[in-house]
Protein backbone atom coordinates (compact mmCIF):
# COMPACT_ATOMS: atom_id res chain seq x y z
CA ALA A 1 10.16 36.50 21.41
CA MET A 2 12.75 36.16 18.71
CA GLU A 3 15.31 34.89 21.23
CA GLU A 4 12.77 32.40 22.50
CA LYS A 5 12.12 31.24 18.95
CA VAL A 6 15.87 30.93 18.28
CA GLY A 7 16.33 29.14 21.60
CA GLY A 8 13.53 26.70 20.70
CA MET A 9 15.09 26.10 17.30
CA GLN A 10 18.51 25.56 18.92
CA ARG A 11 17.01 23.05 21.36
CA ALA A 12 15.24 21.28 18.47
CA LEU A 13 18.54 21.26 16.52
CA ASP A 14 20.45 19.88 19.53
CA LYS A 15 17.77 17.24 19.96
CA LEU A 16 17.99 16.30 16.26
CA GLN A 17 21.82 16.16 16.45
CA ALA A 18 21.65 13.95 19.55
CA GLN A 19 19.16 11.68 17.75
CA LEU A 20 21.41 11.64 14.68
CA LYS A 21 24.41 10.69 16.88
CA VAL A 22 22.39 7.85 18.48
CA GLU A 23 21.26 6.68 15.02
CA ARG A 24 24.83 6.85 13.63
CA GLU A 25 26.07 4.77 16.59
CA GLU A 26 23.20 2.30 16.01
CA ALA A 27 24.07 2.12 12.31
CA ARG A 28 27.75 1.48 13.15
CA ARG A 29 26.73 -1.21 15.67
CA LEU A 30 24.51 -2.87 13.04
CA GLN A 31 27.33 -2.71 10.47
CA ARG A 32 29.69 -4.40 12.96
CA GLU A 33 27.07 -7.06 13.70
CA ASN A 34 26.40 -7.50 10.00
CA ALA A 35 30.12 -7.92 9.31
CA ALA A 36 30.34 -10.49 12.14
CA VAL A 37 27.31 -12.35 10.74
CA LEU A 38 28.83 -12.30 7.23
CA MET A 39 32.12 -13.65 8.59
CA GLU A 40 30.25 -16.38 10.49
CA MET A 41 28.28 -17.23 7.32
CA GLU A 42 31.50 -17.43 5.29
CA LYS A 43 33.06 -19.69 7.93
CA MET A 44 29.98 -21.93 7.84
CA ARG A 45 30.06 -21.93 4.01
CA GLN A 46 33.69 -23.06 4.07
CA GLU A 47 32.92 -25.74 6.66
CA LEU A 48 29.99 -26.94 4.56
CA ALA A 49 32.22 -27.03 1.48
CA GLY A 50 34.72 -29.08 3.49
CA VAL A 51 31.99 -31.46 4.61
CA ARG A 52 30.71 -31.74 1.02
CA GLU A 53 34.25 -32.50 -0.14
CA GLU A 54 34.61 -35.21 2.53
CA VAL A 55 31.23 -36.71 1.65
CA PHE A 56 32.10 -36.63 -2.06
CA HIS A 57 35.48 -38.20 -1.27
CA ASP A 58 33.73 -40.88 0.83
CA ASP A 59 31.28 -41.52 -2.03
CA VAL A 60 34.16 -41.88 -4.48
CA LEU A 61 35.97 -44.23 -2.08
CA GLN A 62 32.79 -46.24 -1.47
CA SER A 63 32.16 -46.43 -5.21
CA LYS A 64 35.76 -47.62 -5.79
CA GLU A 65 35.39 -50.08 -2.91
CA ARG A 66 32.12 -51.41 -4.39
CA ARG A 67 33.78 -51.79 -7.81
CA MET A 68 36.72 -53.59 -6.20
CA GLN A 69 34.39 -55.90 -4.25
CA ALA A 70 32.47 -56.64 -7.45
CA ALA A 71 35.75 -57.36 -9.27
CA GLU A 72 36.93 -59.60 -6.41
CA ALA A 73 33.60 -61.44 -6.42
CA ALA A 74 33.84 -61.92 -10.20
CA GLN A 75 37.42 -63.16 -9.82
CA ALA A 76 36.37 -65.60 -7.07
CA ALA A 77 33.51 -66.87 -9.27
CA LEU A 78 35.96 -67.30 -12.14
CA LEU A 79 38.36 -69.23 -9.90
CA ARG A 80 35.48 -71.47 -8.75
CA ASP A 81 34.48 -72.10 -12.38
CA MET A 82 38.10 -72.91 -13.29
CA GLU A 83 38.34 -75.25 -10.29
CA GLU A 84 35.11 -77.01 -11.34
CA MET A 85 36.38 -77.30 -14.93
CA ARG A 86 39.70 -78.68 -13.70
CA ALA A 87 37.89 -81.25 -11.50
CA GLU A 88 35.63 -82.17 -14.43
CA PHE A 89 38.65 -82.51 -16.72
CA GLU A 90 40.43 -84.70 -14.15
CA ALA A 91 37.33 -86.91 -13.86
CA GLN A 92 37.05 -87.18 -17.66
CA LYS A 93 40.79 -87.94 -17.88
CA ARG A 94 40.46 -90.70 -15.25
CA SER A 95 37.45 -92.08 -17.11
CA ALA A 96 39.34 -91.94 -20.47
CA ASP A 97 42.44 -93.56 -18.89
CA LYS A 98 40.25 -96.36 -17.50
CA ALA A 99 38.50 -96.84 -20.87
CA LEU A 100 41.90 -96.96 -22.58
CA ALA A 101 43.20 -99.49 -20.04
CA ASP A 102 40.03 -101.59 -20.53
CA ALA A 103 40.44 -101.42 -24.33
CA ILE A 104 44.09 -102.49 -24.06
CA LYS A 105 43.07 -105.39 -21.80
CA VAL A 106 40.32 -106.47 -24.26
CA ARG A 107 42.81 -106.19 -27.17
CA ASP A 108 45.43 -108.22 -25.28
CA GLU A 109 42.83 -110.89 -24.39
CA ALA A 110 41.66 -111.02 -28.01
CA THR A 111 45.26 -111.26 -29.21
CA ASP A 112 45.88 -114.08 -26.72
CA ARG A 113 42.71 -115.89 -27.92
CA ALA A 114 43.74 -115.41 -31.55
CA ASP A 115 47.23 -116.74 -30.81
CA SER A 116 45.70 -119.67 -28.98
CA LEU A 117 43.37 -120.38 -31.92
CA VAL A 118 46.29 -120.19 -34.38
CA GLN A 119 48.27 -122.63 -32.21
CA THR A 120 45.30 -125.01 -31.93
CA SER A 121 44.76 -124.78 -35.68
CA GLN A 122 48.46 -125.48 -36.27
CA LYS A 123 48.32 -128.52 -33.99
CA LEU A 124 45.28 -129.84 -35.82
CA LYS A 125 47.08 -129.38 -39.16
CA ASP A 126 50.14 -131.14 -37.78
CA GLN A 127 47.93 -134.04 -36.64
CA VAL A 128 46.32 -134.46 -40.07
């Protein structure tokens, strides 16, 4: 009976050891899988960081590009304003030149009339 009891205990022990071995192997397999998953996650994290960096870089470039476009637009507007001012100045200058020429003509005509009047007056004096 004792031998039977010992034999039963031995079989139970063997069974437990076999179960333990299976569980240890399962635990090792899970650790390997876990390590693989962690590596995959790290790889994905790095890729995501890379993508974020690219997106950030693109945003910075786009922001710089927008600022440059705004600056170029402002410069173009300024050039248009300067061109309009130049055209306006030229028009005013032409107008002033014409007014000056007209004034000179009027002055010359008046001088001629005055000279003519002086001559007529002189002739009349000479006749008297």
